[in-house]
C-alpha atoms as a PDB file:
ATOM      1  CA  ASP A   1     -14.351   5.546  -7.032  1.00  0.00           C
ATOM      2  CA  GLY A   2     -12.370   5.469  -3.785  1.00  0.00           C
ATOM      3  CA  GLY A   3     -15.260   6.766  -1.729  1.00  0.00           C
ATOM      4  CA  GLY A   4     -15.295  10.492  -1.320  1.00  0.00           C
ATOM      5  CA  GLU A   5     -16.220  12.455   1.730  1.00  0.00           C
ATOM      6  CA  GLY A   6     -19.926  12.540   2.399  1.00  0.00           C
ATOM      7  CA  GLU A   7     -20.784   9.295   0.657  1.00  0.00           C
ATOM      8  CA  GLU A   8     -22.694   6.789   2.714  1.00  0.00           C
ATOM      9  CA  GLU A   9     -20.996   3.418   3.175  1.00  0.00           C
ATOM     10  CA  GLY A  10     -23.983   1.650   1.607  1.00  0.00           C
ATOM     11  CA  GLU A  11     -23.447   3.615  -1.629  1.00  0.00           C
ATOM     12  CA  GLU A  12     -19.824   2.642  -2.140  1.00  0.00           C
ATOM     13  CA  GLU A  13     -17.888  -0.521  -2.625  1.00  0.00           C
ATOM     14  CA  ALA A  14     -16.220  -2.036   0.414  1.00  0.00           C
ATOM     15  CA  LEU A  15     -12.515  -2.780   0.181  1.00  0.00           C
ATOM     16  CA  VAL A  16     -12.750  -5.897   2.354  1.00  0.00           C
ATOM     17  CA  MET A  17     -14.827  -7.620   5.016  1.00  0.00           C
ATOM     18  CA  ALA A  18     -12.971  -8.747   8.151  1.00  0.00           C
ATOM     19  CA  VAL A  19     -13.554 -10.440  11.492  1.00  0.00           C
ATOM     20  CA  ASP A  20     -11.449  -9.321  14.462  1.00  0.00           C
ATOM     21  CA  ALA A  21     -10.102 -11.457  17.328  1.00  0.00           C
ATOM     22  CA  ALA A  22     -13.274 -10.772  19.346  1.00  0.00           C
ATOM     23  CA  GLY A  23     -15.422 -12.149  16.515  1.00  0.00           C
ATOM     24  CA  ARG A  24     -16.807  -8.748  15.431  1.00  0.00           C
ATOM     25  CA  GLU A  25     -17.516  -8.335  11.726  1.00  0.00           C
ATOM     26  CA  TRP A  26     -16.139  -5.195  10.060  1.00  0.00           C
ATOM     27  CA  THR A  27     -16.568  -3.651   6.638  1.00  0.00           C
ATOM     28  CA  VAL A  28     -13.501  -1.673   5.547  1.00  0.00           C
ATOM     29  CA  TYR A  29     -13.660   1.295   3.162  1.00  0.00           C
ATOM     30  CA  GLU A  30     -10.571   2.850   1.598  1.00  0.00           C
ATOM     31  CA  ARG A  31     -10.821   6.620   1.163  1.00  0.00           C
ATOM     32  CA  ASP A  32      -9.083   8.668  -1.496  1.00  0.00           C
ATOM     33  CA  ALA A  33      -5.360   8.685  -0.859  1.00  0.00           C
ATOM     34  CA  GLU A  34      -3.393  11.889  -0.339  1.00  0.00           C
ATOM     35  CA  VAL A  35      -0.383  11.733  -2.638  1.00  0.00           C
ATOM     36  CA  GLU A  36       2.621  14.004  -2.118  1.00  0.00           C
ATOM     37  CA  PRO A  37       4.959  13.200  -5.031  1.00  0.00           C
ATOM     38  CA  HIS A  38       7.653  15.712  -3.999  1.00  0.00           C
ATOM     39  CA  ALA A  39       7.903  14.031  -0.576  1.00  0.00           C
ATOM     40  CA  ARG A  40       7.392  10.533  -2.050  1.00  0.00           C
ATOM     41  CA  ARG A  41       4.616   9.972   0.485  1.00  0.00           C
ATOM     42  CA  ILE A  42       1.116   8.508   0.268  1.00  0.00           C
ATOM     43  CA  ARG A  43      -1.424   8.658   3.110  1.00  0.00           C
ATOM     44  CA  CYS A  44      -4.319   6.208   2.937  1.00  0.00           C
ATOM     45  CA  ARG A  45      -7.335   6.450   5.237  1.00  0.00           C
ATOM     46  CA  TYR A  46      -9.432   3.412   6.040  1.00  0.00           C
ATOM     47  CA  ASP A  47     -12.843   3.603   7.698  1.00  0.00           C
ATOM     48  CA  PHE A  48     -14.033   0.519   9.577  1.00  0.00           C
ATOM     49  CA  VAL A  49     -17.721  -0.039  10.255  1.00  0.00           C
ATOM     50  CA  ALA A  50     -18.768  -2.934  12.509  1.00  0.00           C
ATOM     51  CA  ALA A  51     -22.020  -4.798  12.087  1.00  0.00           C
ATOM     52  CA  SER A  52     -22.888  -3.398  15.543  1.00  0.00           C
ATOM     53  CA  GLY A  53     -22.510   0.176  14.235  1.00  0.00           C
ATOM     54  CA  GLU A  54     -19.161   0.791  15.941  1.00  0.00           C
ATOM     55  CA  ARG A  55     -16.743   2.842  13.826  1.00  0.00           C
ATOM     56  CA  ALA A  56     -12.996   3.305  13.667  1.00  0.00           C
ATOM     57  CA  THR A  57     -10.531   5.026  11.351  1.00  0.00           C
ATOM     58  CA  GLN A  58      -6.912   4.220  10.586  1.00  0.00           C
ATOM     59  CA  VAL A  59      -4.425   6.238   8.527  1.00  0.00           C
ATOM     60  CA  ASN A  60      -1.410   4.519   6.991  1.00  0.00           C
ATOM     61  CA  GLU A  61       1.466   6.584   5.679  1.00  0.00           C
ATOM     62  CA  HIS A  62       3.638   5.007   3.018  1.00  0.00           C
ATOM     63  CA  HIS A  63       7.019   6.314   1.885  1.00  0.00           C
ATOM     64  CA  TYR A  64       8.428   5.174  -1.384  1.00  0.00           C
ATOM     65  CA  ALA A  65      11.815   5.232  -3.065  1.00  0.00           C
ATOM     66  CA  LEU A  66      12.701   5.473  -6.722  1.00  0.00           C
ATOM     67  CA  PRO A  67      14.393   2.402  -8.245  1.00  0.00           C
ATOM     68  CA  GLU A  68      17.856   3.990  -8.325  1.00  0.00           C
ATOM     69  CA  GLN A  69      17.497   5.107  -4.689  1.00  0.00           C
ATOM     70  CA  LEU A  70      16.503   1.651  -3.494  1.00  0.00           C
ATOM     71  CA  SER A  71      19.316   0.040  -5.513  1.00  0.00           C
ATOM     72  CA  ALA A  72      21.791   2.456  -3.887  1.00  0.00           C
ATOM     73  CA  LEU A  73      20.432   1.665  -0.402  1.00  0.00           C
ATOM     74  CA  LEU A  74      20.805  -2.071  -1.052  1.00  0.00           C
ATOM     75  CA  ALA A  75      24.363  -1.586  -2.336  1.00  0.00           C
ATOM     76  CA  ALA A  76      25.262   0.519   0.718  1.00  0.00           C
ATOM     77  CA  ALA A  77      23.996  -2.329   2.926  1.00  0.00           C
ATOM     78  CA  GLY A  78      26.251  -4.826   1.118  1.00  0.00           C
ATOM     79  CA  PHE A  79      23.796  -6.316  -1.364  1.00  0.00           C
ATOM     80  CA  GLU A  80      24.210  -6.857  -5.080  1.00  0.00           C
ATOM     81  CA  VAL A  81      21.001  -6.514  -7.074  1.00  0.00           C
ATOM     82  CA  GLU A  82      20.558  -9.501  -9.351  1.00  0.00           C
ATOM     83  CA  ARG A  83      17.127  -8.619 -10.711  1.00  0.00           C
ATOM     84  CA  LEU A  84      14.392  -5.996 -10.421  1.00  0.00           C
ATOM     85  CA  CYS A  85      10.844  -7.134 -11.209  1.00  0.00           C
ATOM     86  CA  GLY A  86       7.589  -5.244 -11.448  1.00  0.00           C
ATOM     87  CA  GLY A  87       5.604  -7.827  -9.485  1.00  0.00           C
ATOM     88  CA  PHE A  88       5.765 -10.932  -7.328  1.00  0.00           C
ATOM     89  CA  GLU A  89       5.400 -13.270 -10.315  1.00  0.00           C
ATOM     90  CA  GLY A  90       8.596 -11.972 -11.970  1.00  0.00           C
ATOM     91  CA  GLU A  91       6.902  -9.501 -14.318  1.00  0.00           C
ATOM     92  CA  ALA A  92       9.200  -7.087 -16.137  1.00  0.00           C
ATOM     93  CA  PHE A  93       9.659  -3.789 -14.278  1.00  0.00           C
ATOM     94  CA  ASP A  94       8.287  -0.698 -16.018  1.00  0.00           C
ATOM     95  CA  GLU A  95       8.981   2.542 -14.157  1.00  0.00           C
ATOM     96  CA  GLU A  96       5.799   4.138 -15.516  1.00  0.00           C
ATOM     97  CA  GLU A  97       3.417   1.185 -15.119  1.00  0.00           C
ATOM     98  CA  SER A  98       4.614  -1.185 -12.363  1.00  0.00           C
ATOM     99  CA  GLU A  99       2.920  -0.895  -8.979  1.00  0.00           C
ATOM    100  CA  HIS A 100       5.695  -2.786  -7.180  1.00  0.00           C
ATOM    101  CA  MET A 101       9.463  -3.081  -7.181  1.00  0.00           C
ATOM    102  CA  VAL A 102      10.524  -6.600  -6.267  1.00  0.00           C
ATOM    103  CA  TYR A 103      14.269  -7.032  -5.910  1.00  0.00           C
ATOM    104  CA  ARG A 104      16.320 -10.183  -6.030  1.00  0.00           C
ATOM    105  CA  ALA A 105      19.568  -9.362  -4.270  1.00  0.00           C
ATOM    106  CA  ARG A 106      22.325 -11.258  -2.548  1.00  0.00           C
ATOM    107  CA  LEU A 107      24.610 -10.263   0.279  1.00  0.00           C
ATOM    108  CA  VAL A 108      28.169  -9.831  -1.015  1.00  0.00           C
ATOM    109  CA  ARG A 109      29.996  -8.767   2.163  1.00  0.00           C
END
């Protein structure tokens, strides 16, 4: 699972291992995201644990748009959508299943 509150880092799977500019090694854990569908917002919390025992937390807030909203924003900015894909390899877009919206658009003004 995404690592619930109260679980020890050793009992859960790390998201990634990283080394910062100072050469410190960090293990990064992603916590359960808070999803607010009505606001189209997702907050993800990441806990960082250094090999030295130092700890840090970061919260990222993501806002998302529905396909028709993003298409309208692109059109308002002078772009024509040529293709909408569900991934970076050109996979077909499925509104229920795709994790990404990748647009191919060209400036028309």
